[in-house]
Amino acid sequence: MSNWNVDASHSTVGFTVRHLVISKVRGRFAQFSGTVTLPDSGALEGGSVKAEVQIGSIDTAEPKRDGHLKSPDFFDAEKHPTMTFESTKVASKGSDFELHGKLTIRGTTKDVIFHGENLGAAKDPWGNDRMAFTAKTTINRTDFGLNWNQALEAGGVLVGEKVEIELDIQAVKAK
């Protein structure tokens, strides 16, 4: 087995959620870490992933909104400073894969499946082995206790319940 460390400077943990029913707001987390463990064959099957995201690093390009998202109305970052993921299974077909695992947000753990693509491997100019992946999943934020919302006069709610999570990950093989 080989370990690969997520290179946060070349990776993105992002999300998208509906706002006012008619548009989407995008955001990201600036601080995160993770390890990908792969069989020596380099195959994804039989591999595993562990990741941790710092909730306080949320960035939606609007400081007031970021502050509200960190508050007890949403993530409650003071009591729950991290969001974690630990895989339970990887299934692959060609370059496509499904990453099954346990996502924990605000102290609540739920099963999720990320649908992804292995983008390949390369050696960087400094001799490091690198791999890249993209993956997406959709969760219902209320399943994790992120329940705050506000009804709109014209119908609907201010913040959608469905949250799309999108990962662009580059990992470096540990030496």
N, C-alpha and C. Protein backbone atom coordinates (compact mmCIF):
# COMPACT_ATOMS: atom_id res chain seq x y z
N MET A 1 0.85 -1.18 0.00
CA MET A 1 0.00 0.00 0.00
C MET A 1 0.89 1.24 0.00
N SER A 2 0.42 2.28 -0.67
CA SER A 2 1.16 3.55 -0.69
C SER A 2 0.23 4.68 -0.24
N ASN A 3 0.81 5.64 0.45
CA ASN A 3 0.05 6.80 0.93
C ASN A 3 0.33 8.01 0.05
N TRP A 4 -0.73 8.75 -0.21
CA TRP A 4 -0.67 9.96 -1.01
C TRP A 4 -1.29 11.07 -0.18
N ASN A 5 -0.58 12.19 0.00
CA ASN A 5 -1.09 13.31 0.79
C ASN A 5 -1.70 14.36 -0.13
N VAL A 6 -2.89 14.81 0.26
CA VAL A 6 -3.56 15.85 -0.52
C VAL A 6 -2.71 17.11 -0.50
N ASP A 7 -2.47 17.66 -1.67
CA ASP A 7 -1.73 18.92 -1.83
C ASP A 7 -2.76 20.05 -1.87
N ALA A 8 -3.00 20.66 -0.71
CA ALA A 8 -4.06 21.68 -0.61
C ALA A 8 -3.81 22.89 -1.50
N SER A 9 -2.55 23.17 -1.82
CA SER A 9 -2.27 24.33 -2.66
C SER A 9 -2.62 24.09 -4.13
N HIS A 10 -2.87 22.83 -4.49
CA HIS A 10 -3.27 22.49 -5.86
C HIS A 10 -4.60 21.74 -5.88
N SER A 11 -5.40 21.93 -4.84
CA SER A 11 -6.69 21.23 -4.72
C SER A 11 -7.77 22.21 -4.29
N THR A 12 -9.02 21.81 -4.49
CA THR A 12 -10.17 22.65 -4.11
C THR A 12 -11.25 21.79 -3.49
N VAL A 13 -11.81 22.27 -2.37
CA VAL A 13 -13.00 21.68 -1.76
C VAL A 13 -14.07 22.77 -1.87
N GLY A 14 -15.00 22.59 -2.80
CA GLY A 14 -16.00 23.62 -3.07
C GLY A 14 -17.41 23.11 -2.90
N PHE A 15 -18.35 24.06 -2.88
CA PHE A 15 -19.76 23.70 -2.75
C PHE A 15 -20.62 24.74 -3.46
N THR A 16 -21.83 24.33 -3.79
CA THR A 16 -22.82 25.19 -4.43
C THR A 16 -24.17 24.94 -3.77
N VAL A 17 -24.90 26.02 -3.50
CA VAL A 17 -26.24 25.92 -2.91
C VAL A 17 -27.15 26.97 -3.54
N ARG A 18 -28.42 26.66 -3.68
CA ARG A 18 -29.40 27.61 -4.24
C ARG A 18 -29.63 28.76 -3.27
N HIS A 19 -29.82 29.94 -3.84
CA HIS A 19 -30.12 31.15 -3.08
C HIS A 19 -31.32 31.82 -3.71
N LEU A 20 -32.31 32.15 -2.91
CA LEU A 20 -33.54 32.80 -3.38
C LEU A 20 -34.26 31.98 -4.46
N VAL A 21 -34.06 30.70 -4.47
CA VAL A 21 -34.66 29.75 -5.40
C VAL A 21 -34.13 29.90 -6.83
N ILE A 22 -33.73 31.10 -7.23
CA ILE A 22 -33.42 31.38 -8.64
C ILE A 22 -31.94 31.36 -9.00
N SER A 23 -31.06 31.38 -8.01
CA SER A 23 -29.64 31.45 -8.35
C SER A 23 -28.84 30.51 -7.45
N LYS A 24 -27.55 30.44 -7.70
CA LYS A 24 -26.67 29.60 -6.90
C LYS A 24 -25.56 30.44 -6.30
N VAL A 25 -25.16 30.08 -5.09
CA VAL A 25 -24.01 30.68 -4.43
C VAL A 25 -22.94 29.61 -4.32
N ARG A 26 -21.73 29.97 -4.67
CA ARG A 26 -20.61 29.04 -4.60
C ARG A 26 -19.67 29.44 -3.46
N GLY A 27 -19.05 28.46 -2.89
CA GLY A 27 -18.09 28.71 -1.83
C GLY A 27 -17.03 27.62 -1.82
N ARG A 28 -16.08 27.80 -0.93
CA ARG A 28 -15.01 26.82 -0.80
C ARG A 28 -14.48 26.85 0.62
N PHE A 29 -13.71 25.84 0.94
CA PHE A 29 -13.00 25.79 2.20
C PHE A 29 -11.52 25.90 1.87
N ALA A 30 -10.84 26.84 2.51
CA ALA A 30 -9.43 27.10 2.18
C ALA A 30 -8.47 26.18 2.91
N GLN A 31 -8.90 25.59 4.03
CA GLN A 31 -7.99 24.75 4.82
C GLN A 31 -8.56 23.34 4.94
N PHE A 32 -7.79 22.37 4.46
CA PHE A 32 -8.20 20.98 4.52
C PHE A 32 -6.97 20.11 4.36
N SER A 33 -7.10 18.86 4.74
CA SER A 33 -6.01 17.90 4.58
C SER A 33 -6.62 16.54 4.32
N GLY A 34 -5.81 15.64 3.80
CA GLY A 34 -6.32 14.30 3.54
C GLY A 34 -5.22 13.36 3.10
N THR A 35 -5.53 12.08 3.22
CA THR A 35 -4.62 11.02 2.80
C THR A 35 -5.39 10.02 1.95
N VAL A 36 -4.80 9.66 0.82
CA VAL A 36 -5.33 8.61 -0.04
C VAL A 36 -4.37 7.44 0.07
N THR A 37 -4.89 6.26 0.38
CA THR A 37 -4.08 5.05 0.46
C THR A 37 -4.49 4.14 -0.69
N LEU A 38 -3.51 3.73 -1.48
CA LEU A 38 -3.78 2.91 -2.66
C LEU A 38 -2.97 1.62 -2.62
N PRO A 39 -3.53 0.54 -3.18
CA PRO A 39 -2.73 -0.68 -3.32
C PRO A 39 -1.50 -0.39 -4.17
N ASP A 40 -0.45 -1.18 -3.99
CA ASP A 40 0.80 -0.96 -4.74
C ASP A 40 0.60 -1.03 -6.24
N SER A 41 -0.46 -1.70 -6.68
CA SER A 41 -0.76 -1.79 -8.11
C SER A 41 -1.19 -0.44 -8.68
N GLY A 42 -1.56 0.51 -7.78
CA GLY A 42 -2.05 1.81 -8.23
C GLY A 42 -3.53 1.81 -8.51
N ALA A 43 -4.19 0.66 -8.39
CA ALA A 43 -5.63 0.57 -8.61
C ALA A 43 -6.37 1.34 -7.52
N LEU A 44 -7.54 1.86 -7.87
CA LEU A 44 -8.34 2.58 -6.88
C LEU A 44 -9.07 1.61 -5.96
N GLU A 45 -9.55 0.50 -6.51
CA GLU A 45 -10.26 -0.49 -5.70
C GLU A 45 -9.31 -1.02 -4.63
N GLY A 46 -9.83 -1.13 -3.43
CA GLY A 46 -8.99 -1.55 -2.31
C GLY A 46 -8.31 -0.38 -1.64
N GLY A 47 -8.50 0.82 -2.19
CA GLY A 47 -7.91 2.02 -1.61
C GLY A 47 -8.83 2.62 -0.56
N SER A 48 -8.36 3.69 0.07
CA SER A 48 -9.16 4.38 1.08
C SER A 48 -8.78 5.87 1.11
N VAL A 49 -9.68 6.65 1.70
CA VAL A 49 -9.49 8.10 1.80
C VAL A 49 -9.91 8.55 3.19
N LYS A 50 -9.11 9.43 3.77
CA LYS A 50 -9.46 10.13 5.01
C LYS A 50 -9.21 11.60 4.77
N ALA A 51 -10.17 12.44 5.15
CA ALA A 51 -10.01 13.88 4.93
C ALA A 51 -10.64 14.67 6.07
N GLU A 52 -10.09 15.86 6.28
CA GLU A 52 -10.60 16.77 7.30
C GLU A 52 -10.61 18.19 6.74
N VAL A 53 -11.72 18.88 6.95
CA VAL A 53 -11.90 20.26 6.47
C VAL A 53 -12.10 21.16 7.68
N GLN A 54 -11.41 22.29 7.69
CA GLN A 54 -11.55 23.28 8.76
C GLN A 54 -12.74 24.19 8.43
N ILE A 55 -13.81 24.11 9.21
CA ILE A 55 -15.03 24.88 8.96
C ILE A 55 -14.74 26.38 8.98
N GLY A 56 -13.87 26.82 9.85
CA GLY A 56 -13.55 28.25 9.96
C GLY A 56 -12.93 28.84 8.72
N SER A 57 -12.53 27.99 7.77
CA SER A 57 -11.89 28.49 6.54
C SER A 57 -12.89 28.69 5.41
N ILE A 58 -14.20 28.63 5.71
CA ILE A 58 -15.22 28.79 4.68
C ILE A 58 -15.10 30.16 4.03
N ASP A 59 -15.27 30.19 2.70
CA ASP A 59 -15.15 31.45 1.95
C ASP A 59 -16.17 31.45 0.83
N THR A 60 -17.17 32.34 0.95
CA THR A 60 -18.18 32.51 -0.10
C THR A 60 -18.04 33.88 -0.76
N ALA A 61 -16.94 34.55 -0.51
CA ALA A 61 -16.66 35.89 -1.04
C ALA A 61 -17.56 36.95 -0.43
N GLU A 62 -18.17 36.66 0.71
CA GLU A 62 -19.01 37.62 1.43
C GLU A 62 -18.80 37.38 2.94
N PRO A 63 -17.98 38.23 3.59
CA PRO A 63 -17.63 38.00 5.00
C PRO A 63 -18.83 37.87 5.94
N LYS A 64 -19.90 38.65 5.73
CA LYS A 64 -21.07 38.54 6.62
C LYS A 64 -21.72 37.17 6.48
N ARG A 65 -21.84 36.70 5.24
CA ARG A 65 -22.43 35.38 5.02
C ARG A 65 -21.53 34.30 5.63
N ASP A 66 -20.21 34.43 5.44
CA ASP A 66 -19.28 33.46 6.02
C ASP A 66 -19.44 33.40 7.53
N GLY A 67 -19.57 34.56 8.16
CA GLY A 67 -19.77 34.61 9.61
C GLY A 67 -21.06 33.91 10.02
N HIS A 68 -22.13 34.12 9.25
CA HIS A 68 -23.41 33.46 9.55
C HIS A 68 -23.27 31.94 9.38
N LEU A 69 -22.57 31.51 8.34
CA LEU A 69 -22.38 30.07 8.12
C LEU A 69 -21.58 29.41 9.25
N LYS A 70 -20.67 30.15 9.86
CA LYS A 70 -19.87 29.62 10.97
C LYS A 70 -20.66 29.61 12.29
N SER A 71 -21.77 30.34 12.34
CA SER A 71 -22.55 30.51 13.57
C SER A 71 -23.36 29.26 13.90
N PRO A 72 -23.96 29.21 15.10
CA PRO A 72 -24.82 28.07 15.47
C PRO A 72 -26.02 27.87 14.52
N ASP A 73 -26.40 28.88 13.73
CA ASP A 73 -27.49 28.70 12.76
C ASP A 73 -27.14 27.65 11.71
N PHE A 74 -25.84 27.50 11.42
CA PHE A 74 -25.40 26.56 10.39
C PHE A 74 -24.37 25.59 10.97
N PHE A 75 -23.09 25.80 10.68
CA PHE A 75 -22.05 24.83 11.05
C PHE A 75 -21.70 24.81 12.53
N ASP A 76 -21.94 25.90 13.24
CA ASP A 76 -21.55 26.01 14.65
C ASP A 76 -20.07 25.67 14.80
N ALA A 77 -19.24 26.43 14.08
CA ALA A 77 -17.80 26.16 13.98
C ALA A 77 -17.08 26.15 15.33
N GLU A 78 -17.59 26.89 16.29
CA GLU A 78 -16.94 26.90 17.61
C GLU A 78 -17.05 25.53 18.27
N LYS A 79 -18.21 24.89 18.17
CA LYS A 79 -18.41 23.56 18.77
C LYS A 79 -17.98 22.43 17.83
N HIS A 80 -18.06 22.67 16.53
CA HIS A 80 -17.75 21.65 15.53
C HIS A 80 -16.77 22.23 14.50
N PRO A 81 -15.50 22.35 14.86
CA PRO A 81 -14.54 23.05 14.00
C PRO A 81 -14.14 22.32 12.72
N THR A 82 -14.46 21.01 12.63
CA THR A 82 -14.07 20.27 11.43
C THR A 82 -15.24 19.50 10.84
N MET A 83 -15.09 19.22 9.56
CA MET A 83 -15.96 18.30 8.83
C MET A 83 -15.01 17.19 8.38
N THR A 84 -15.44 15.93 8.50
CA THR A 84 -14.55 14.83 8.15
C THR A 84 -15.21 13.86 7.18
N PHE A 85 -14.36 13.15 6.46
CA PHE A 85 -14.82 12.09 5.55
C PHE A 85 -13.87 10.92 5.71
N GLU A 86 -14.46 9.71 5.80
CA GLU A 86 -13.67 8.49 5.82
C GLU A 86 -14.34 7.48 4.91
N SER A 87 -13.59 7.01 3.93
CA SER A 87 -14.17 6.09 2.95
C SER A 87 -14.44 4.72 3.55
N THR A 88 -15.42 4.04 2.94
CA THR A 88 -15.73 2.66 3.32
C THR A 88 -15.53 1.71 2.15
N LYS A 89 -15.51 2.25 0.92
CA LYS A 89 -15.38 1.40 -0.27
C LYS A 89 -15.07 2.29 -1.47
N VAL A 90 -14.27 1.76 -2.39
CA VAL A 90 -14.02 2.42 -3.67
C VAL A 90 -14.35 1.41 -4.76
N ALA A 91 -15.20 1.81 -5.68
CA ALA A 91 -15.54 0.97 -6.84
C ALA A 91 -15.15 1.75 -8.08
N SER A 92 -14.43 1.11 -9.00
CA SER A 92 -14.00 1.83 -10.19
C SER A 92 -14.34 1.06 -11.45
N LYS A 93 -14.50 1.83 -12.52
CA LYS A 93 -14.72 1.28 -13.86
C LYS A 93 -13.98 2.21 -14.81
N GLY A 94 -12.84 1.74 -15.30
CA GLY A 94 -12.00 2.61 -16.12
C GLY A 94 -11.47 3.75 -15.26
N SER A 95 -11.58 4.97 -15.75
CA SER A 95 -11.11 6.12 -14.98
C SER A 95 -12.19 6.66 -14.04
N ASP A 96 -13.42 6.17 -14.17
CA ASP A 96 -14.51 6.62 -13.29
C ASP A 96 -14.53 5.79 -12.01
N PHE A 97 -14.97 6.41 -10.92
CA PHE A 97 -15.05 5.68 -9.66
C PHE A 97 -16.21 6.20 -8.81
N GLU A 98 -16.60 5.36 -7.86
CA GLU A 98 -17.53 5.74 -6.80
C GLU A 98 -16.78 5.60 -5.49
N LEU A 99 -16.79 6.66 -4.70
CA LEU A 99 -16.13 6.67 -3.40
C LEU A 99 -17.22 6.71 -2.34
N HIS A 100 -17.43 5.59 -1.66
CA HIS A 100 -18.44 5.48 -0.62
C HIS A 100 -17.78 5.82 0.71
N GLY A 101 -18.51 6.50 1.58
CA GLY A 101 -17.91 6.79 2.88
C GLY A 101 -18.84 7.48 3.83
N LYS A 102 -18.27 7.84 4.97
CA LYS A 102 -18.99 8.48 6.07
C LYS A 102 -18.57 9.95 6.14
N LEU A 103 -19.54 10.83 5.93
CA LEU A 103 -19.30 12.28 6.02
C LEU A 103 -19.87 12.75 7.35
N THR A 104 -19.05 13.47 8.13
CA THR A 104 -19.49 13.99 9.42
C THR A 104 -19.45 15.52 9.37
N ILE A 105 -20.62 16.10 9.60
CA ILE A 105 -20.78 17.56 9.66
C ILE A 105 -21.57 17.86 10.92
N ARG A 106 -21.06 18.78 11.71
CA ARG A 106 -21.76 19.24 12.91
C ARG A 106 -22.11 18.08 13.85
N GLY A 107 -21.22 17.08 13.90
CA GLY A 107 -21.40 15.96 14.80
C GLY A 107 -22.34 14.88 14.29
N THR A 108 -22.87 15.03 13.09
CA THR A 108 -23.78 14.05 12.50
C THR A 108 -23.06 13.35 11.35
N THR A 109 -23.11 12.02 11.35
CA THR A 109 -22.44 11.23 10.32
C THR A 109 -23.48 10.56 9.43
N LYS A 110 -23.28 10.69 8.13
CA LYS A 110 -24.18 10.09 7.13
C LYS A 110 -23.34 9.42 6.04
N ASP A 111 -23.92 8.39 5.43
CA ASP A 111 -23.29 7.75 4.28
C ASP A 111 -23.46 8.63 3.05
N VAL A 112 -22.39 8.78 2.29
CA VAL A 112 -22.45 9.53 1.02
C VAL A 112 -21.67 8.76 -0.03
N ILE A 113 -21.96 9.07 -1.29
CA ILE A 113 -21.22 8.49 -2.40
C ILE A 113 -20.75 9.63 -3.30
N PHE A 114 -19.44 9.75 -3.47
CA PHE A 114 -18.86 10.69 -4.41
C PHE A 114 -18.69 9.98 -5.74
N HIS A 115 -19.10 10.60 -6.82
CA HIS A 115 -18.89 10.09 -8.17
C HIS A 115 -17.72 10.86 -8.75
N GLY A 116 -16.69 10.13 -9.19
CA GLY A 116 -15.49 10.83 -9.59
C GLY A 116 -14.81 10.27 -10.81
N GLU A 117 -13.71 10.95 -11.13
CA GLU A 117 -12.87 10.56 -12.25
C GLU A 117 -11.41 10.66 -11.84
N ASN A 118 -10.66 9.61 -12.13
CA ASN A 118 -9.21 9.61 -11.93
C ASN A 118 -8.62 10.33 -13.15
N LEU A 119 -8.00 11.48 -12.93
CA LEU A 119 -7.47 12.28 -14.04
C LEU A 119 -6.07 11.84 -14.47
N GLY A 120 -5.46 10.94 -13.69
CA GLY A 120 -4.16 10.43 -14.08
C GLY A 120 -3.06 10.76 -13.10
N ALA A 121 -1.86 10.36 -13.49
CA ALA A 121 -0.67 10.54 -12.65
C ALA A 121 0.45 11.16 -13.47
N ALA A 122 1.35 11.85 -12.77
CA ALA A 122 2.50 12.48 -13.42
C ALA A 122 3.60 12.67 -12.40
N LYS A 123 4.81 12.84 -12.88
CA LYS A 123 5.94 13.18 -12.03
C LYS A 123 6.19 14.67 -12.20
N ASP A 124 6.29 15.39 -11.08
CA ASP A 124 6.54 16.83 -11.17
C ASP A 124 8.04 17.09 -11.40
N PRO A 125 8.41 18.35 -11.66
CA PRO A 125 9.82 18.66 -11.95
C PRO A 125 10.78 18.37 -10.79
N TRP A 126 10.27 18.13 -9.58
CA TRP A 126 11.12 17.86 -8.42
C TRP A 126 11.17 16.37 -8.10
N GLY A 127 10.61 15.54 -8.99
CA GLY A 127 10.67 14.10 -8.82
C GLY A 127 9.57 13.49 -7.98
N ASN A 128 8.56 14.28 -7.62
CA ASN A 128 7.45 13.77 -6.83
C ASN A 128 6.39 13.14 -7.73
N ASP A 129 5.86 11.99 -7.30
CA ASP A 129 4.74 11.36 -8.00
C ASP A 129 3.46 12.03 -7.55
N ARG A 130 2.61 12.38 -8.52
CA ARG A 130 1.34 13.05 -8.24
C ARG A 130 0.20 12.33 -8.94
N MET A 131 -0.99 12.39 -8.32
CA MET A 131 -2.22 11.88 -8.92
C MET A 131 -3.27 12.96 -8.78
N ALA A 132 -4.24 12.97 -9.70
CA ALA A 132 -5.31 13.96 -9.62
C ALA A 132 -6.66 13.28 -9.81
N PHE A 133 -7.64 13.80 -9.08
CA PHE A 133 -9.00 13.27 -9.11
C PHE A 133 -10.00 14.43 -9.06
N THR A 134 -11.17 14.21 -9.62
CA THR A 134 -12.32 15.08 -9.37
C THR A 134 -13.42 14.19 -8.82
N ALA A 135 -14.28 14.76 -7.99
CA ALA A 135 -15.40 13.99 -7.44
C ALA A 135 -16.51 14.94 -7.02
N LYS A 136 -17.76 14.46 -7.12
CA LYS A 136 -18.92 15.26 -6.75
C LYS A 136 -19.92 14.41 -5.99
N THR A 137 -20.64 15.06 -5.10
CA THR A 137 -21.79 14.45 -4.45
C THR A 137 -22.79 15.54 -4.12
N THR A 138 -24.00 15.14 -3.81
CA THR A 138 -25.03 16.08 -3.38
C THR A 138 -25.58 15.58 -2.05
N ILE A 139 -25.68 16.50 -1.10
CA ILE A 139 -26.24 16.15 0.21
C ILE A 139 -27.41 17.08 0.50
N ASN A 140 -28.24 16.69 1.46
CA ASN A 140 -29.27 17.58 2.00
C ASN A 140 -28.70 18.12 3.30
N ARG A 141 -28.51 19.42 3.36
CA ARG A 141 -27.86 20.02 4.52
C ARG A 141 -28.64 19.80 5.82
N THR A 142 -29.97 19.68 5.73
CA THR A 142 -30.77 19.48 6.95
C THR A 142 -30.52 18.10 7.56
N ASP A 143 -30.04 17.13 6.77
CA ASP A 143 -29.69 15.82 7.31
C ASP A 143 -28.54 15.92 8.32
N PHE A 144 -27.78 17.01 8.23
CA PHE A 144 -26.62 17.22 9.11
C PHE A 144 -26.88 18.31 10.15
N GLY A 145 -28.14 18.71 10.32
CA GLY A 145 -28.49 19.69 11.34
C GLY A 145 -28.27 21.14 10.93
N LEU A 146 -28.04 21.41 9.64
CA LEU A 146 -27.91 22.78 9.15
C LEU A 146 -29.30 23.21 8.67
N ASN A 147 -30.15 23.59 9.63
CA ASN A 147 -31.58 23.77 9.37
C ASN A 147 -32.03 25.20 9.13
N TRP A 148 -31.23 26.20 9.45
CA TRP A 148 -31.69 27.58 9.37
C TRP A 148 -32.18 27.89 7.96
N ASN A 149 -33.26 28.66 7.90
CA ASN A 149 -33.79 29.13 6.64
C ASN A 149 -34.74 30.28 6.89
N GLN A 150 -35.18 30.90 5.82
CA GLN A 150 -36.12 32.00 5.92
C GLN A 150 -37.08 31.89 4.74
N ALA A 151 -38.38 31.92 5.04
CA ALA A 151 -39.38 31.86 3.97
C ALA A 151 -39.37 33.16 3.19
N LEU A 152 -39.63 33.06 1.89
CA LEU A 152 -39.69 34.22 1.02
C LEU A 152 -41.14 34.63 0.79
N GLU A 153 -41.36 35.92 0.70
CA GLU A 153 -42.71 36.45 0.51
C GLU A 153 -43.38 35.88 -0.74
N ALA A 154 -42.60 35.69 -1.81
CA ALA A 154 -43.14 35.20 -3.07
C ALA A 154 -43.20 33.67 -3.12
N GLY A 155 -42.82 33.00 -2.03
CA GLY A 155 -42.79 31.54 -1.99
C GLY A 155 -41.37 31.03 -2.04
N GLY A 156 -41.18 29.85 -1.55
CA GLY A 156 -39.84 29.27 -1.50
C GLY A 156 -39.09 29.72 -0.26
N VAL A 157 -37.81 29.40 -0.23
CA VAL A 157 -36.97 29.73 0.92
C VAL A 157 -35.68 30.39 0.45
N LEU A 158 -35.03 31.07 1.38
CA LEU A 158 -33.82 31.82 1.08
C LEU A 158 -32.67 30.90 0.66
N VAL A 159 -32.48 29.79 1.40
CA VAL A 159 -31.35 28.89 1.15
C VAL A 159 -31.86 27.50 0.81
N GLY A 160 -31.40 26.95 -0.31
CA GLY A 160 -31.80 25.60 -0.69
C GLY A 160 -31.28 24.55 0.26
N GLU A 161 -31.95 23.41 0.32
CA GLU A 161 -31.51 22.32 1.18
C GLU A 161 -30.44 21.47 0.50
N LYS A 162 -30.48 21.40 -0.82
CA LYS A 162 -29.53 20.57 -1.57
C LYS A 162 -28.20 21.32 -1.70
N VAL A 163 -27.11 20.66 -1.33
CA VAL A 163 -25.78 21.24 -1.45
C VAL A 163 -24.93 20.31 -2.32
N GLU A 164 -24.38 20.87 -3.37
CA GLU A 164 -23.49 20.11 -4.24
C GLU A 164 -22.06 20.32 -3.75
N ILE A 165 -21.36 19.23 -3.50
CA ILE A 165 -19.96 19.30 -3.07
C ILE A 165 -19.11 18.84 -4.23
N GLU A 166 -18.09 19.63 -4.54
CA GLU A 166 -17.21 19.31 -5.67
C GLU A 166 -15.76 19.36 -5.22
N LEU A 167 -15.02 18.29 -5.52
CA LEU A 167 -13.62 18.18 -5.14
C LEU A 167 -12.74 18.13 -6.37
N ASP A 168 -11.68 18.88 -6.37
CA ASP A 168 -10.60 18.78 -7.35
C ASP A 168 -9.35 18.54 -6.52
N ILE A 169 -8.85 17.33 -6.57
CA ILE A 169 -7.79 16.92 -5.65
C ILE A 169 -6.54 16.51 -6.41
N GLN A 170 -5.40 17.03 -5.95
CA GLN A 170 -4.10 16.57 -6.40
C GLN A 170 -3.38 16.04 -5.16
N ALA A 171 -2.84 14.83 -5.29
CA ALA A 171 -2.18 14.21 -4.14
C ALA A 171 -0.74 13.84 -4.54
N VAL A 172 0.15 13.94 -3.54
CA VAL A 172 1.57 13.66 -3.74
C VAL A 172 1.92 12.38 -2.97
N LYS A 173 2.62 11.47 -3.63
CA LYS A 173 3.00 10.21 -2.98
C LYS A 173 3.98 10.48 -1.85
N ALA A 174 3.65 9.94 -0.68
CA ALA A 174 4.53 10.10 0.48
C ALA A 174 5.82 9.30 0.25
N LYS A 175 6.92 9.88 0.68
CA LYS A 175 8.22 9.20 0.51
C LYS A 175 8.63 8.46 1.74
